[in-house]
Amino acid sequence: IDLSGLSQERINDELFRILFNSDEPSRGLAEFFKLSVLKQLFPELYELTLSIQDAIFHPETDEFGHHTVWPHTLITIDQAHRLAQKNNLPPAKTLCLLLAALFHDVGKPATVTWEYKNGRMVITNKGHDILSEKITTQVFNRMKLFSWNGVDVRKITLNLIRCHHRPSELWQNREVITRKALNRLAADVDGEIDLLIFLDVADRSGRSPQPIEELDQEGQWLKQKFAELNVSQETIKPLILGRHLLSLGVSPGPKMGKILNKLYELQLDNEFQTLEEGLKIAQKIIAQEKGKQSFSKASRTSKPSPPKKKTSGRKDKDQPTNSKKRGKK
């Protein structure tokens, strides 16, 4: 069936129905594949049905026994759907999570690499998270998908896809975890910490169709760590704003933006946690900037004058003179 005449609005509606109207969205998506709908409307997802994964790390297979990215994606989206229902996510946030689960690995086909590890050849996909974000951006452009029900679905979903391996990296370094690391991760997903944890758990649970009912050990640890170190959507909001710099004598413009960015970076690095602490640091930065300007101005106005040409006491023999020779009488 030729589907080229379908409007993008109709295509979006059909996809959203599959994601929302079933406890197992994988069923509808599997039919999309069998009916060639996937190949025509979402070729980026169709590529997942052709891209193999490491059979030991990813034991999940399709109905033909193939270890491709597609069965992993189908299981992941079902697991994400269960977590969304279990945690009573609002529709817009549910859509963000499910879209992230659906597209989180679309960068894998282009990043397949064979490596020798632990005594055997394995398949890896380094950098697929970044590429997945880029490819999904193109898909969303085609879908004209931006906000939905007042939520910036596009931004949240792309953030989740780009960062979907970061929780596991924190878990691997859990003995030396810092508030700075959690601040950075929270800022990179605009504070949507729970959604990122749900995606991480669903992704790692995507190796088995066994339904999950709650967060696993890694997910629970990460959620607890964010609470323990007091990192949330509220705490990562910038403490120092433009109005604070105005009161300190900084005029609006590029200079103010530069100082604000520097202060926010310091806040995320846990250099200060209160407005008062931030203002003290802001005053130091402003003083430093003024010092740089004064030095720059002084160096421009005190340029040495060019050296004067040296003149010889003797007149050059070819140099004309004002003296006139007297004639003989």
C-alpha atoms as a PDB file:
ATOM      1  CA  ILE A   1       0.000   0.000   0.000  1.00  0.00           C
ATOM      2  CA  ASP A   2       1.369   3.391  -0.986  1.00  0.00           C
ATOM      3  CA  LEU A   3       1.182   5.713   2.033  1.00  0.00           C
ATOM      4  CA  SER A   4       2.918   8.696   0.469  1.00  0.00           C
ATOM      5  CA  GLY A   5      -0.364  10.619   0.303  1.00  0.00           C
ATOM      6  CA  LEU A   6      -0.951  10.561   4.066  1.00  0.00           C
ATOM      7  CA  SER A   7      -0.690  13.900   5.832  1.00  0.00           C
ATOM      8  CA  GLN A   8       1.906  14.238   8.560  1.00  0.00           C
ATOM      9  CA  GLU A   9      -0.848  15.070  11.038  1.00  0.00           C
ATOM     10  CA  ARG A  10      -2.557  11.742  10.294  1.00  0.00           C
ATOM     11  CA  ILE A  11       0.733   9.868  10.638  1.00  0.00           C
ATOM     12  CA  ASN A  12       1.413  11.499  14.020  1.00  0.00           C
ATOM     13  CA  ASP A  13      -2.095  10.682  15.244  1.00  0.00           C
ATOM     14  CA  GLU A  14      -1.711   7.007  14.334  1.00  0.00           C
ATOM     15  CA  LEU A  15       1.644   6.772  16.089  1.00  0.00           C
ATOM     16  CA  PHE A  16       0.334   8.476  19.224  1.00  0.00           C
ATOM     17  CA  ARG A  17      -2.678   6.121  19.319  1.00  0.00           C
ATOM     18  CA  ILE A  18      -0.350   3.135  19.317  1.00  0.00           C
ATOM     19  CA  LEU A  19       1.765   4.635  22.097  1.00  0.00           C
ATOM     20  CA  PHE A  20      -1.164   5.588  24.335  1.00  0.00           C
ATOM     21  CA  ASN A  21      -4.018   3.165  23.667  1.00  0.00           C
ATOM     22  CA  SER A  22      -2.326  -0.126  24.468  1.00  0.00           C
ATOM     23  CA  ASP A  23      -0.578  -1.564  27.489  1.00  0.00           C
ATOM     24  CA  GLU A  24       1.912  -3.006  25.001  1.00  0.00           C
ATOM     25  CA  PRO A  25       2.704  -0.452  22.273  1.00  0.00           C
ATOM     26  CA  SER A  26       5.077  -3.025  20.776  1.00  0.00           C
ATOM     27  CA  ARG A  27       2.122  -4.895  19.256  1.00  0.00           C
ATOM     28  CA  GLY A  28       1.050  -1.991  17.064  1.00  0.00           C
ATOM     29  CA  LEU A  29       4.640  -1.153  16.147  1.00  0.00           C
ATOM     30  CA  ALA A  30       5.270  -4.771  15.152  1.00  0.00           C
ATOM     31  CA  GLU A  31       2.271  -4.560  12.798  1.00  0.00           C
ATOM     32  CA  PHE A  32       3.694  -1.346  11.372  1.00  0.00           C
ATOM     33  CA  PHE A  33       6.763  -3.373  10.412  1.00  0.00           C
ATOM     34  CA  LYS A  34       4.863  -6.308   8.901  1.00  0.00           C
ATOM     35  CA  LEU A  35       2.626  -4.039   6.810  1.00  0.00           C
ATOM     36  CA  SER A  36       5.609  -2.030   5.495  1.00  0.00           C
ATOM     37  CA  VAL A  37       4.250   1.059   7.229  1.00  0.00           C
ATOM     38  CA  LEU A  38       7.495   1.422   9.156  1.00  0.00           C
ATOM     39  CA  LYS A  39       9.601   1.295   6.002  1.00  0.00           C
ATOM     40  CA  GLN A  40       7.561   4.014   4.304  1.00  0.00           C
ATOM     41  CA  LEU A  41       6.805   6.374   7.171  1.00  0.00           C
ATOM     42  CA  PHE A  42       9.663   5.836   9.636  1.00  0.00           C
ATOM     43  CA  PRO A  43      12.670   4.515   7.683  1.00  0.00           C
ATOM     44  CA  GLU A  44      14.932   5.410  10.620  1.00  0.00           C
ATOM     45  CA  LEU A  45      13.108   2.803  12.721  1.00  0.00           C
ATOM     46  CA  TYR A  46      13.029   0.314   9.855  1.00  0.00           C
ATOM     47  CA  GLU A  47      16.844   0.374   9.848  1.00  0.00           C
ATOM     48  CA  LEU A  48      16.742  -1.087  13.369  1.00  0.00           C
ATOM     49  CA  THR A  49      15.231  -4.298  11.978  1.00  0.00           C
ATOM     50  CA  LEU A  50      18.375  -4.789   9.862  1.00  0.00           C
ATOM     51  CA  SER A  51      21.054  -3.869  12.421  1.00  0.00           C
ATOM     52  CA  ILE A  52      22.447  -6.731  14.495  1.00  0.00           C
ATOM     53  CA  GLN A  53      23.517  -6.507  18.135  1.00  0.00           C
ATOM     54  CA  ASP A  54      25.859  -8.556  20.283  1.00  0.00           C
ATOM     55  CA  ALA A  55      24.000 -11.807  20.959  1.00  0.00           C
ATOM     56  CA  ILE A  56      25.416 -12.255  24.464  1.00  0.00           C
ATOM     57  CA  PHE A  57      24.843  -8.724  25.716  1.00  0.00           C
ATOM     58  CA  HIS A  58      21.498  -8.568  23.888  1.00  0.00           C
ATOM     59  CA  PRO A  59      19.930 -12.055  24.005  1.00  0.00           C
ATOM     60  CA  GLU A  60      16.533 -10.713  22.898  1.00  0.00           C
ATOM     61  CA  THR A  61      15.491 -11.723  19.376  1.00  0.00           C
ATOM     62  CA  ASP A  62      12.698 -11.134  16.896  1.00  0.00           C
ATOM     63  CA  GLU A  63      10.282 -13.906  15.905  1.00  0.00           C
ATOM     64  CA  PHE A  64      12.826 -15.231  13.416  1.00  0.00           C
ATOM     65  CA  GLY A  65      15.604 -15.479  16.010  1.00  0.00           C
ATOM     66  CA  HIS A  66      17.559 -12.441  14.807  1.00  0.00           C
ATOM     67  CA  HIS A  67      19.469 -10.365  17.380  1.00  0.00           C
ATOM     68  CA  THR A  68      18.633  -6.961  15.923  1.00  0.00           C
ATOM     69  CA  VAL A  69      18.024  -3.596  17.561  1.00  0.00           C
ATOM     70  CA  TRP A  70      14.303  -3.773  16.753  1.00  0.00           C
ATOM     71  CA  PRO A  71      13.204  -6.387  19.356  1.00  0.00           C
ATOM     72  CA  HIS A  72      15.214  -4.521  21.993  1.00  0.00           C
ATOM     73  CA  THR A  73      13.383  -1.313  21.056  1.00  0.00           C
ATOM     74  CA  LEU A  74       9.972  -3.013  21.254  1.00  0.00           C
ATOM     75  CA  ILE A  75      10.663  -4.468  24.695  1.00  0.00           C
ATOM     76  CA  THR A  76      12.097  -1.156  25.922  1.00  0.00           C
ATOM     77  CA  ILE A  77       9.004   0.803  24.912  1.00  0.00           C
ATOM     78  CA  ASP A  78       6.713  -1.691  26.676  1.00  0.00           C
ATOM     79  CA  GLN A  79       8.814  -1.445  29.831  1.00  0.00           C
ATOM     80  CA  ALA A  80       8.737   2.357  29.618  1.00  0.00           C
ATOM     81  CA  HIS A  81       4.954   2.268  29.232  1.00  0.00           C
ATOM     82  CA  ARG A  82       4.652   0.162  32.407  1.00  0.00           C
ATOM     83  CA  LEU A  83       6.812   2.588  34.375  1.00  0.00           C
ATOM     84  CA  ALA A  84       4.780   5.549  33.104  1.00  0.00           C
ATOM     85  CA  GLN A  85       1.542   3.922  34.276  1.00  0.00           C
ATOM     86  CA  LYS A  86       3.024   2.746  37.561  1.00  0.00           C
ATOM     87  CA  ASN A  87       4.217   6.271  38.384  1.00  0.00           C
ATOM     88  CA  ASN A  88       1.098   8.075  37.084  1.00  0.00           C
ATOM     89  CA  LEU A  89       2.951  10.257  34.606  1.00  0.00           C
ATOM     90  CA  PRO A  90       0.798  12.937  32.936  1.00  0.00           C
ATOM     91  CA  PRO A  91       0.112  12.359  29.207  1.00  0.00           C
ATOM     92  CA  ALA A  92       2.698  14.837  27.886  1.00  0.00           C
ATOM     93  CA  LYS A  93       5.495  13.425  30.068  1.00  0.00           C
ATOM     94  CA  THR A  94       4.411   9.906  29.106  1.00  0.00           C
ATOM     95  CA  LEU A  95       4.747  10.875  25.450  1.00  0.00           C
ATOM     96  CA  CYS A  96       8.277  12.179  26.078  1.00  0.00           C
ATOM     97  CA  LEU A  97       9.293   8.923  27.753  1.00  0.00           C
ATOM     98  CA  LEU A  98       7.751   6.682  25.084  1.00  0.00           C
ATOM     99  CA  LEU A  99       9.199   8.647  22.176  1.00  0.00           C
ATOM    100  CA  ALA A 100      12.612   8.545  23.847  1.00  0.00           C
ATOM    101  CA  ALA A 101      12.286   4.772  24.267  1.00  0.00           C
ATOM    102  CA  LEU A 102      11.245   4.404  20.620  1.00  0.00           C
ATOM    103  CA  PHE A 103      14.088   6.457  19.134  1.00  0.00           C
ATOM    104  CA  HIS A 104      16.878   6.080  21.714  1.00  0.00           C
ATOM    105  CA  ASP A 105      18.886   3.644  19.568  1.00  0.00           C
ATOM    106  CA  VAL A 106      18.264   4.903  16.018  1.00  0.00           C
ATOM    107  CA  GLY A 107      21.939   5.839  15.850  1.00  0.00           C
ATOM    108  CA  LYS A 108      23.087   2.230  16.267  1.00  0.00           C
ATOM    109  CA  PRO A 109      22.946   1.087  12.615  1.00  0.00           C
ATOM    110  CA  ALA A 110      25.489   3.742  11.604  1.00  0.00           C
ATOM    111  CA  THR A 111      27.826   3.073  14.545  1.00  0.00           C
ATOM    112  CA  VAL A 112      28.246  -0.719  14.416  1.00  0.00           C
ATOM    113  CA  THR A 113      31.842  -1.689  15.226  1.00  0.00           C
ATOM    114  CA  TRP A 114      33.482  -5.038  15.918  1.00  0.00           C
ATOM    115  CA  GLU A 115      35.970  -5.091  18.788  1.00  0.00           C
ATOM    116  CA  TYR A 116      37.963  -7.776  20.551  1.00  0.00           C
ATOM    117  CA  LYS A 117      36.993  -7.774  24.232  1.00  0.00           C
ATOM    118  CA  ASN A 118      37.175 -10.315  27.037  1.00  0.00           C
ATOM    119  CA  GLY A 119      38.500 -13.013  24.761  1.00  0.00           C
ATOM    120  CA  ARG A 120      35.939 -12.665  21.982  1.00  0.00           C
ATOM    121  CA  MET A 121      34.731 -10.410  19.198  1.00  0.00           C
ATOM    122  CA  VAL A 122      31.866  -8.156  20.293  1.00  0.00           C
ATOM    123  CA  ILE A 123      29.646  -5.584  18.599  1.00  0.00           C
ATOM    124  CA  THR A 124      29.767  -2.048  20.000  1.00  0.00           C
ATOM    125  CA  ASN A 125      28.021   1.190  19.038  1.00  0.00           C
ATOM    126  CA  LYS A 126      30.133   4.009  20.437  1.00  0.00           C
ATOM    127  CA  GLY A 127      28.584   7.439  20.031  1.00  0.00           C
ATOM    128  CA  HIS A 128      25.166   6.101  19.076  1.00  0.00           C
ATOM    129  CA  ASP A 129      23.491   8.211  21.772  1.00  0.00           C
ATOM    130  CA  ILE A 130      24.669  11.472  20.176  1.00  0.00           C
ATOM    131  CA  LEU A 131      23.835  10.272  16.671  1.00  0.00           C
ATOM    132  CA  SER A 132      20.422   9.074  17.862  1.00  0.00           C
ATOM    133  CA  GLU A 133      19.649  12.604  19.041  1.00  0.00           C
ATOM    134  CA  LYS A 134      20.614  14.046  15.640  1.00  0.00           C
ATOM    135  CA  ILE A 135      18.548  11.523  13.687  1.00  0.00           C
ATOM    136  CA  THR A 136      15.541  11.990  15.972  1.00  0.00           C
ATOM    137  CA  THR A 137      15.808  15.742  15.470  1.00  0.00           C
ATOM    138  CA  GLN A 138      15.368  15.144  11.740  1.00  0.00           C
ATOM    139  CA  VAL A 139      12.381  12.869  12.397  1.00  0.00           C
ATOM    140  CA  PHE A 140      10.761  15.484  14.641  1.00  0.00           C
ATOM    141  CA  ASN A 141      11.345  18.128  11.977  1.00  0.00           C
ATOM    142  CA  ARG A 142       9.442  15.942   9.554  1.00  0.00           C
ATOM    143  CA  MET A 143       6.701  15.338  12.121  1.00  0.00           C
ATOM    144  CA  LYS A 144       6.614  19.066  12.953  1.00  0.00           C
ATOM    145  CA  LEU A 145       6.732  17.979  16.581  1.00  0.00           C
ATOM    146  CA  PHE A 146       7.510  20.666  19.130  1.00  0.00           C
ATOM    147  CA  SER A 147       5.160  21.218  22.077  1.00  0.00           C
ATOM    148  CA  TRP A 148       2.213  19.080  23.106  1.00  0.00           C
ATOM    149  CA  ASN A 149      -0.287  20.000  25.814  1.00  0.00           C
ATOM    150  CA  GLY A 150       1.947  22.896  26.835  1.00  0.00           C
ATOM    151  CA  VAL A 151       5.041  20.714  27.310  1.00  0.00           C
ATOM    152  CA  ASP A 152       8.154  21.039  25.154  1.00  0.00           C
ATOM    153  CA  VAL A 153       8.076  17.404  24.059  1.00  0.00           C
ATOM    154  CA  ARG A 154      10.769  17.930  21.457  1.00  0.00           C
ATOM    155  CA  LYS A 155      13.368  19.352  23.845  1.00  0.00           C
ATOM    156  CA  ILE A 156      12.698  16.915  26.685  1.00  0.00           C
ATOM    157  CA  THR A 157      12.748  13.852  24.423  1.00  0.00           C
ATOM    158  CA  LEU A 158      15.971  14.843  22.674  1.00  0.00           C
ATOM    159  CA  ASN A 159      17.646  15.498  26.034  1.00  0.00           C
ATOM    160  CA  LEU A 160      16.617  12.050  27.269  1.00  0.00           C
ATOM    161  CA  ILE A 161      17.936  10.340  24.143  1.00  0.00           C
ATOM    162  CA  ARG A 162      21.278  12.162  24.285  1.00  0.00           C
ATOM    163  CA  CYS A 163      21.780  11.343  27.976  1.00  0.00           C
ATOM    164  CA  HIS A 164      20.290   7.853  28.174  1.00  0.00           C
ATOM    165  CA  HIS A 165      23.633   6.204  29.024  1.00  0.00           C
ATOM    166  CA  ARG A 166      24.669   8.733  31.658  1.00  0.00           C
ATOM    167  CA  PRO A 167      22.855   7.059  34.599  1.00  0.00           C
ATOM    168  CA  SER A 168      24.768   3.822  34.000  1.00  0.00           C
ATOM    169  CA  GLU A 169      28.024   5.774  33.910  1.00  0.00           C
ATOM    170  CA  LEU A 170      27.189   7.273  37.311  1.00  0.00           C
ATOM    171  CA  TRP A 171      26.346   3.819  38.648  1.00  0.00           C
ATOM    172  CA  GLN A 172      29.708   2.476  37.495  1.00  0.00           C
ATOM    173  CA  ASN A 173      31.423   5.317  39.399  1.00  0.00           C
ATOM    174  CA  ARG A 174      29.059   5.299  42.378  1.00  0.00           C
ATOM    175  CA  GLU A 175      31.887   5.071  44.922  1.00  0.00           C
ATOM    176  CA  VAL A 176      33.112   8.545  43.981  1.00  0.00           C
ATOM    177  CA  ILE A 177      29.844  10.218  42.979  1.00  0.00           C
ATOM    178  CA  THR A 178      29.681  13.970  43.612  1.00  0.00           C
ATOM    179  CA  ARG A 179      26.948  16.579  43.773  1.00  0.00           C
ATOM    180  CA  LYS A 180      28.664  18.315  40.875  1.00  0.00           C
ATOM    181  CA  ALA A 181      28.147  15.254  38.650  1.00  0.00           C
ATOM    182  CA  LEU A 182      24.466  15.056  39.582  1.00  0.00           C
ATOM    183  CA  ASN A 183      24.038  18.800  39.009  1.00  0.00           C
ATOM    184  CA  ARG A 184      25.507  18.470  35.533  1.00  0.00           C
ATOM    185  CA  LEU A 185      23.282  15.557  34.589  1.00  0.00           C
ATOM    186  CA  ALA A 186      20.171  17.249  35.969  1.00  0.00           C
ATOM    187  CA  ALA A 187      20.965  20.423  34.028  1.00  0.00           C
ATOM    188  CA  ASP A 188      21.546  18.469  30.812  1.00  0.00           C
ATOM    189  CA  VAL A 189      17.991  17.084  30.982  1.00  0.00           C
ATOM    190  CA  ASP A 190      16.443  20.324  32.279  1.00  0.00           C
ATOM    191  CA  GLY A 191      15.629  18.704  35.605  1.00  0.00           C
ATOM    192  CA  GLU A 192      13.629  15.786  34.140  1.00  0.00           C
ATOM    193  CA  ILE A 193      15.497  13.378  36.405  1.00  0.00           C
ATOM    194  CA  ASP A 194      12.666  10.883  36.926  1.00  0.00           C
ATOM    195  CA  LEU A 195      12.057  10.527  33.191  1.00  0.00           C
ATOM    196  CA  LEU A 196      15.751   9.833  32.616  1.00  0.00           C
ATOM    197  CA  ILE A 197      15.798   7.201  35.363  1.00  0.00           C
ATOM    198  CA  PHE A 198      12.680   5.545  33.899  1.00  0.00           C
ATOM    199  CA  LEU A 199      14.267   5.471  30.429  1.00  0.00           C
ATOM    200  CA  ASP A 200      17.501   4.030  31.819  1.00  0.00           C
ATOM    201  CA  VAL A 201      15.657   1.265  33.684  1.00  0.00           C
ATOM    202  CA  ALA A 202      13.451   0.471  30.669  1.00  0.00           C
ATOM    203  CA  ASP A 203      16.501   0.350  28.388  1.00  0.00           C
ATOM    204  CA  ARG A 204      18.418  -2.049  30.614  1.00  0.00           C
ATOM    205  CA  SER A 205      15.263  -4.128  31.080  1.00  0.00           C
ATOM    206  CA  GLY A 206      14.881  -4.278  27.309  1.00  0.00           C
ATOM    207  CA  ARG A 207      16.941  -7.459  27.150  1.00  0.00           C
ATOM    208  CA  SER A 208      14.071  -9.556  28.485  1.00  0.00           C
ATOM    209  CA  PRO A 209      10.299  -9.440  27.902  1.00  0.00           C
ATOM    210  CA  GLN A 210       9.776 -10.120  31.612  1.00  0.00           C
ATOM    211  CA  PRO A 211       7.579  -7.178  32.751  1.00  0.00           C
ATOM    212  CA  ILE A 212       9.066  -4.821  35.313  1.00  0.00           C
ATOM    213  CA  GLU A 213       6.934  -3.449  38.110  1.00  0.00           C
ATOM    214  CA  GLU A 214       9.345  -1.050  39.798  1.00  0.00           C
ATOM    215  CA  LEU A 215      12.804   0.466  39.615  1.00  0.00           C
ATOM    216  CA  ASP A 216      15.708  -1.941  39.837  1.00  0.00           C
ATOM    217  CA  GLN A 217      18.688  -1.522  42.177  1.00  0.00           C
ATOM    218  CA  GLU A 218      20.461   0.944  39.909  1.00  0.00           C
ATOM    219  CA  GLY A 219      17.348   3.058  39.382  1.00  0.00           C
ATOM    220  CA  GLN A 220      16.530   3.144  43.094  1.00  0.00           C
ATOM    221  CA  TRP A 221      20.110   4.065  43.969  1.00  0.00           C
ATOM    222  CA  LEU A 222      20.160   6.957  41.505  1.00  0.00           C
ATOM    223  CA  LYS A 223      16.795   8.300  42.640  1.00  0.00           C
ATOM    224  CA  GLN A 224      17.939   8.105  46.267  1.00  0.00           C
ATOM    225  CA  LYS A 225      21.262   9.784  45.464  1.00  0.00           C
ATOM    226  CA  PHE A 226      19.571  12.771  43.823  1.00  0.00           C
ATOM    227  CA  ALA A 227      17.388  13.163  46.925  1.00  0.00           C
ATOM    228  CA  GLU A 228      20.281  12.641  49.335  1.00  0.00           C
ATOM    229  CA  LEU A 229      22.456  15.307  47.683  1.00  0.00           C
ATOM    230  CA  ASN A 230      19.479  17.633  47.204  1.00  0.00           C
ATOM    231  CA  VAL A 231      19.599  17.877  43.419  1.00  0.00           C
ATOM    232  CA  SER A 232      16.306  18.564  41.675  1.00  0.00           C
ATOM    233  CA  GLN A 233      14.640  20.670  39.017  1.00  0.00           C
ATOM    234  CA  GLU A 234      14.373  23.477  41.568  1.00  0.00           C
ATOM    235  CA  THR A 235      17.947  23.394  42.851  1.00  0.00           C
ATOM    236  CA  ILE A 236      19.490  23.638  39.374  1.00  0.00           C
ATOM    237  CA  LYS A 237      17.642  26.845  38.532  1.00  0.00           C
ATOM    238  CA  PRO A 238      20.097  29.775  38.259  1.00  0.00           C
ATOM    239  CA  LEU A 239      20.377  31.592  41.585  1.00  0.00           C
ATOM    240  CA  ILE A 240      21.952  34.741  40.128  1.00  0.00           C
ATOM    241  CA  LEU A 241      19.789  36.539  37.567  1.00  0.00           C
ATOM    242  CA  GLY A 242      20.145  39.667  35.484  1.00  0.00           C
ATOM    243  CA  ARG A 243      18.424  41.837  38.064  1.00  0.00           C
ATOM    244  CA  HIS A 244      21.053  40.900  40.635  1.00  0.00           C
ATOM    245  CA  LEU A 245      23.854  42.014  38.333  1.00  0.00           C
ATOM    246  CA  LEU A 246      21.984  45.247  37.567  1.00  0.00           C
ATOM    247  CA  SER A 247      21.998  46.039  41.271  1.00  0.00           C
ATOM    248  CA  LEU A 248      25.765  45.478  41.253  1.00  0.00           C
ATOM    249  CA  GLY A 249      26.264  48.001  38.466  1.00  0.00           C
ATOM    250  CA  VAL A 250      26.479  45.692  35.454  1.00  0.00           C
ATOM    251  CA  SER A 251      24.680  47.028  32.380  1.00  0.00           C
ATOM    252  CA  PRO A 252      22.600  44.748  30.132  1.00  0.00           C
ATOM    253  CA  GLY A 253      24.545  43.342  27.205  1.00  0.00           C
ATOM    254  CA  PRO A 254      27.075  40.675  26.220  1.00  0.00           C
ATOM    255  CA  LYS A 255      29.161  41.346  29.322  1.00  0.00           C
ATOM    256  CA  MET A 256      26.214  40.586  31.600  1.00  0.00           C
ATOM    257  CA  GLY A 257      25.456  37.393  29.675  1.00  0.00           C
ATOM    258  CA  LYS A 258      29.058  36.280  29.985  1.00  0.00           C
ATOM    259  CA  ILE A 259      29.070  36.828  33.753  1.00  0.00           C
ATOM    260  CA  LEU A 260      25.717  35.067  34.197  1.00  0.00           C
ATOM    261  CA  ASN A 261      26.952  32.035  32.259  1.00  0.00           C
ATOM    262  CA  LYS A 262      30.113  31.889  34.343  1.00  0.00           C
ATOM    263  CA  LEU A 263      28.143  32.106  37.577  1.00  0.00           C
ATOM    264  CA  TYR A 264      25.766  29.335  36.503  1.00  0.00           C
ATOM    265  CA  GLU A 265      28.705  27.082  35.653  1.00  0.00           C
ATOM    266  CA  LEU A 266      30.124  27.737  39.132  1.00  0.00           C
ATOM    267  CA  GLN A 267      26.729  26.989  40.672  1.00  0.00           C
ATOM    268  CA  LEU A 268      26.567  23.632  38.870  1.00  0.00           C
ATOM    269  CA  ASP A 269      30.130  22.938  40.014  1.00  0.00           C
ATOM    270  CA  ASN A 270      28.791  23.337  43.566  1.00  0.00           C
ATOM    271  CA  GLU A 271      30.944  26.426  44.240  1.00  0.00           C
ATOM    272  CA  PHE A 272      27.931  28.082  45.881  1.00  0.00           C
ATOM    273  CA  GLN A 273      24.461  26.952  46.945  1.00  0.00           C
ATOM    274  CA  THR A 274      22.787  30.144  48.181  1.00  0.00           C
ATOM    275  CA  LEU A 275      22.023  33.567  46.725  1.00  0.00           C
ATOM    276  CA  GLU A 276      24.243  35.274  49.288  1.00  0.00           C
ATOM    277  CA  GLU A 277      27.233  33.083  48.421  1.00  0.00           C
ATOM    278  CA  GLY A 278      26.592  33.656  44.738  1.00  0.00           C
ATOM    279  CA  LEU A 279      26.480  37.440  45.108  1.00  0.00           C
ATOM    280  CA  LYS A 280      29.856  37.462  46.836  1.00  0.00           C
ATOM    281  CA  ILE A 281      31.376  35.494  43.977  1.00  0.00           C
ATOM    282  CA  ALA A 282      29.608  37.763  41.475  1.00  0.00           C
ATOM    283  CA  GLN A 283      31.225  40.832  43.052  1.00  0.00           C
ATOM    284  CA  LYS A 284      34.662  39.248  42.699  1.00  0.00           C
ATOM    285  CA  ILE A 285      34.036  38.387  39.046  1.00  0.00           C
ATOM    286  CA  ILE A 286      32.799  41.915  38.316  1.00  0.00           C
ATOM    287  CA  ALA A 287      35.890  43.382  39.976  1.00  0.00           C
ATOM    288  CA  GLN A 288      38.101  41.094  37.898  1.00  0.00           C
ATOM    289  CA  GLU A 289      36.314  42.146  34.705  1.00  0.00           C
ATOM    290  CA  LYS A 290      36.786  45.823  35.581  1.00  0.00           C
ATOM    291  CA  GLY A 291      40.460  45.188  36.239  1.00  0.00           C
ATOM    292  CA  LYS A 292      40.841  43.555  32.830  1.00  0.00           C
ATOM    293  CA  GLN A 293      39.118  46.496  31.150  1.00  0.00           C
ATOM    294  CA  SER A 294      41.306  49.040  32.957  1.00  0.00           C
ATOM    295  CA  PHE A 295      44.456  47.172  31.979  1.00  0.00           C
ATOM    296  CA  SER A 296      43.305  46.882  28.362  1.00  0.00           C
ATOM    297  CA  LYS A 297      42.469  50.596  28.204  1.00  0.00           C
ATOM    298  CA  ALA A 298      45.784  51.583  29.746  1.00  0.00           C
ATOM    299  CA  SER A 299      47.732  49.426  27.319  1.00  0.00           C
ATOM    300  CA  ARG A 300      45.938  51.036  24.370  1.00  0.00           C
ATOM    301  CA  THR A 301      46.588  54.621  25.515  1.00  0.00           C
ATOM    302  CA  SER A 302      50.222  54.132  26.476  1.00  0.00           C
ATOM    303  CA  LYS A 303      51.601  52.953  23.181  1.00  0.00           C
ATOM    304  CA  PRO A 304      55.246  54.106  22.729  1.00  0.00           C
ATOM    305  CA  SER A 305      55.750  56.786  20.090  1.00  0.00           C
ATOM    306  CA  PRO A 306      57.744  55.720  17.058  1.00  0.00           C
ATOM    307  CA  PRO A 307      61.510  56.451  17.317  1.00  0.00           C
ATOM    308  CA  LYS A 308      62.761  59.648  15.692  1.00  0.00           C
ATOM    309  CA  LYS A 309      65.037  59.370  12.727  1.00  0.00           C
ATOM    310  CA  LYS A 310      68.654  60.027  13.558  1.00  0.00           C
ATOM    311  CA  THR A 311      70.265  62.881  11.619  1.00  0.00           C
ATOM    312  CA  SER A 312      73.935  63.164  10.863  1.00  0.00           C
ATOM    313  CA  GLY A 313      75.916  66.327  11.653  1.00  0.00           C
ATOM    314  CA  ARG A 314      77.475  66.274   8.180  1.00  0.00           C
ATOM    315  CA  LYS A 315      75.558  67.285   5.156  1.00  0.00           C
ATOM    316  CA  ASP A 316      75.362  64.775   2.429  1.00  0.00           C
ATOM    317  CA  LYS A 317      77.411  65.766  -0.558  1.00  0.00           C
ATOM    318  CA  ASP A 318      74.335  65.557  -2.752  1.00  0.00           C
ATOM    319  CA  GLN A 319      72.273  67.655  -0.333  1.00  0.00           C
ATOM    320  CA  PRO A 320      71.459  71.119  -1.704  1.00  0.00           C
ATOM    321  CA  THR A 321      72.650  74.163   0.260  1.00  0.00           C
ATOM    322  CA  ASN A 322      71.277  77.648   0.675  1.00  0.00           C
ATOM    323  CA  SER A 323      74.702  79.274   0.285  1.00  0.00           C
ATOM    324  CA  LYS A 324      75.417  81.045  -3.001  1.00  0.00           C
ATOM    325  CA  LYS A 325      78.844  81.287  -4.608  1.00  0.00           C
ATOM    326  CA  ARG A 326      80.092  84.824  -5.196  1.00  0.00           C
ATOM    327  CA  GLY A 327      81.347  85.636  -8.631  1.00  0.00           C
ATOM    328  CA  LYS A 328      84.740  87.390  -9.186  1.00  0.00           C
ATOM    329  CA  LYS A 329      84.702  91.097  -9.761  1.00  0.00           C
END
